[in-house]
């Protein structure tokens, strides 16, 4: 079952997560 809307949601969430980790030095230290 491929759900484009769900894929889009997770992709945006994952991109936001990467941006948060990448741009936030205090989190990005891991």
PDB file of N, CA and C in Angstrom:
ATOM      1  N   UNK A   1       0.842  -1.203   0.000  1.00  0.00           N
ATOM      2  CA  UNK A   1       0.000   0.000   0.000  1.00  0.00           C
ATOM      3  C   UNK A   1       0.880   1.258   0.000  1.00  0.00           C
ATOM      4  N   UNK A   2       0.954   1.916  -1.125  1.00  0.00           N
ATOM      5  CA  UNK A   2       1.757   3.130  -1.216  1.00  0.00           C
ATOM      6  C   UNK A   2       0.842   4.339  -1.098  1.00  0.00           C
ATOM      7  N   UNK A   3       1.080   5.132  -0.069  1.00  0.00           N
ATOM      8  CA  UNK A   3       0.225   6.295   0.180  1.00  0.00           C
ATOM      9  C   UNK A   3       1.038   7.567  -0.031  1.00  0.00           C
ATOM     10  N   UNK A   4       0.869   8.236  -1.162  1.00  0.00           N
ATOM     11  CA  UNK A   4       1.670   9.424  -1.472  1.00  0.00           C
ATOM     12  C   UNK A   4       1.560  10.509  -0.409  1.00  0.00           C
ATOM     13  N   UNK A   5       0.370  10.686   0.138  1.00  0.00           N
ATOM     14  CA  UNK A   5       0.191  11.738   1.133  1.00  0.00           C
ATOM     15  C   UNK A   5       1.012  11.425   2.388  1.00  0.00           C
ATOM     16  N   UNK A   6       0.996  10.162   2.790  1.00  0.00           N
ATOM     17  CA  UNK A   6       1.754   9.769   3.978  1.00  0.00           C
ATOM     18  C   UNK A   6       3.255   9.883   3.697  1.00  0.00           C
ATOM     19  N   UNK A   7       3.660   9.469   2.487  1.00  0.00           N
ATOM     20  CA  UNK A   7       5.068   9.577   2.116  1.00  0.00           C
ATOM     21  C   UNK A   7       5.514  11.032   2.169  1.00  0.00           C
ATOM     22  N   UNK A   8       4.677  11.916   1.628  1.00  0.00           N
ATOM     23  CA  UNK A   8       5.009  13.338   1.620  1.00  0.00           C
ATOM     24  C   UNK A   8       5.136  13.868   3.047  1.00  0.00           C
ATOM     25  N   UNK A   9       4.218  13.438   3.906  1.00  0.00           N
ATOM     26  CA  UNK A   9       4.258  13.870   5.303  1.00  0.00           C
ATOM     27  C   UNK A   9       5.564  13.429   5.962  1.00  0.00           C
ATOM     28  N   UNK A  10       5.912  12.157   5.797  1.00  0.00           N
ATOM     29  CA  UNK A  10       7.121  11.657   6.430  1.00  0.00           C
ATOM     30  C   UNK A  10       8.370  12.281   5.833  1.00  0.00           C
ATOM     31  N   UNK A  11       8.335  12.508   4.518  1.00  0.00           N
ATOM     32  CA  UNK A  11       9.502  13.125   3.888  1.00  0.00           C
ATOM     33  C   UNK A  11       9.717  14.536   4.434  1.00  0.00           C
ATOM     34  N   UNK A  12       8.647  15.308   4.547  1.00  0.00           N
ATOM     35  CA  UNK A  12       8.780  16.664   5.070  1.00  0.00           C
ATOM     36  C   UNK A  12       9.236  16.635   6.523  1.00  0.00           C
ATOM     37  N   UNK A  13       8.675  15.689   7.300  1.00  0.00           N
ATOM     38  CA  UNK A  13       9.055  15.571   8.707  1.00  0.00           C
ATOM     39  C   UNK A  13      10.534  15.226   8.826  1.00  0.00           C
ATOM     40  N   UNK A  14      10.981  14.284   7.976  1.00  0.00           N
ATOM     41  CA  UNK A  14      12.371  13.864   8.030  1.00  0.00           C
ATOM     42  C   UNK A  14      13.300  15.001   7.604  1.00  0.00           C
ATOM     43  N   UNK A  15      12.918  15.747   6.562  1.00  0.00           N
ATOM     44  CA  UNK A  15      13.727  16.884   6.126  1.00  0.00           C
ATOM     45  C   UNK A  15      13.811  17.927   7.233  1.00  0.00           C
ATOM     46  N   UNK A  16      12.695  18.168   7.911  1.00  0.00           N
ATOM     47  CA  UNK A  16      12.698  19.130   9.016  1.00  0.00           C
ATOM     48  C   UNK A  16      13.605  18.647  10.141  1.00  0.00           C
ATOM     49  N   UNK A  17      13.564  17.355  10.406  1.00  0.00           N
ATOM     50  CA  UNK A  17      14.408  16.790  11.449  1.00  0.00           C
ATOM     51  C   UNK A  17      15.881  16.974  11.096  1.00  0.00           C
ATOM     52  N   UNK A  18      16.247  16.674   9.845  1.00  0.00           N
ATOM     53  CA  UNK A  18      17.630  16.844   9.422  1.00  0.00           C
ATOM     54  C   UNK A  18      18.050  18.297   9.542  1.00  0.00           C
ATOM     55  N   UNK A  19      17.181  19.208   9.148  1.00  0.00           N
ATOM     56  CA  UNK A  19      17.504  20.633   9.224  1.00  0.00           C
ATOM     57  C   UNK A  19      17.691  21.063  10.673  1.00  0.00           C
ATOM     58  N   UNK A  20      16.831  20.553  11.536  1.00  0.00           N
ATOM     59  CA  UNK A  20      16.928  20.909  12.953  1.00  0.00           C
ATOM     60  C   UNK A  20      18.260  20.450  13.518  1.00  0.00           C
ATOM     61  N   UNK A  21      18.639  19.227  13.195  1.00  0.00           N
ATOM     62  CA  UNK A  21      19.897  18.691  13.721  1.00  0.00           C
ATOM     63  C   UNK A  21      21.084  19.412  13.083  1.00  0.00           C
ATOM     64  N   UNK A  22      20.969  19.674  11.789  1.00  0.00           N
ATOM     65  CA  UNK A  22      22.095  20.258  11.067  1.00  0.00           C
ATOM     66  C   UNK A  22      22.328  21.709  11.479  1.00  0.00           C
ATOM     67  N   UNK A  23      21.262  22.459  11.662  1.00  0.00           N
ATOM     68  CA  UNK A  23      21.406  23.887  11.924  1.00  0.00           C
ATOM     69  C   UNK A  23      21.455  24.235  13.402  1.00  0.00           C
ATOM     70  N   UNK A  24      21.134  23.277  14.274  1.00  0.00           N
ATOM     71  CA  UNK A  24      21.143  23.576  15.704  1.00  0.00           C
ATOM     72  C   UNK A  24      22.404  22.996  16.324  1.00  0.00           C
ATOM     73  N   UNK A  25      23.381  23.825  16.649  1.00  0.00           N
ATOM     74  CA  UNK A  25      24.684  23.332  17.121  1.00  0.00           C
ATOM     75  C   UNK A  25      24.565  22.500  18.390  1.00  0.00           C
ATOM     76  N   UNK A  26      23.658  22.867  19.288  1.00  0.00           N
ATOM     77  CA  UNK A  26      23.563  22.158  20.558  1.00  0.00           C
ATOM     78  C   UNK A  26      23.053  20.736  20.352  1.00  0.00           C
ATOM     79  N   UNK A  27      22.177  20.539  19.353  1.00  0.00           N
ATOM     80  CA  UNK A  27      21.677  19.200  19.054  1.00  0.00           C
ATOM     81  C   UNK A  27      22.660  18.494  18.117  1.00  0.00           C
ATOM     82  N   UNK A  28      23.220  19.265  17.204  1.00  0.00           N
ATOM     83  CA  UNK A  28      24.056  18.690  16.152  1.00  0.00           C
ATOM     84  C   UNK A  28      25.384  18.138  16.641  1.00  0.00           C
ATOM     85  N   UNK A  29      25.659  18.289  17.924  1.00  0.00           N
ATOM     86  CA  UNK A  29      26.923  17.811  18.440  1.00  0.00           C
ATOM     87  C   UNK A  29      27.001  16.301  18.538  1.00  0.00           C
ATOM     88  N   UNK A  30      25.854  15.604  18.519  1.00  0.00           N
ATOM     89  CA  UNK A  30      25.940  14.147  18.628  1.00  0.00           C
ATOM     90  C   UNK A  30      26.826  13.647  17.505  1.00  0.00           C
TER      91      UNK A  30
END
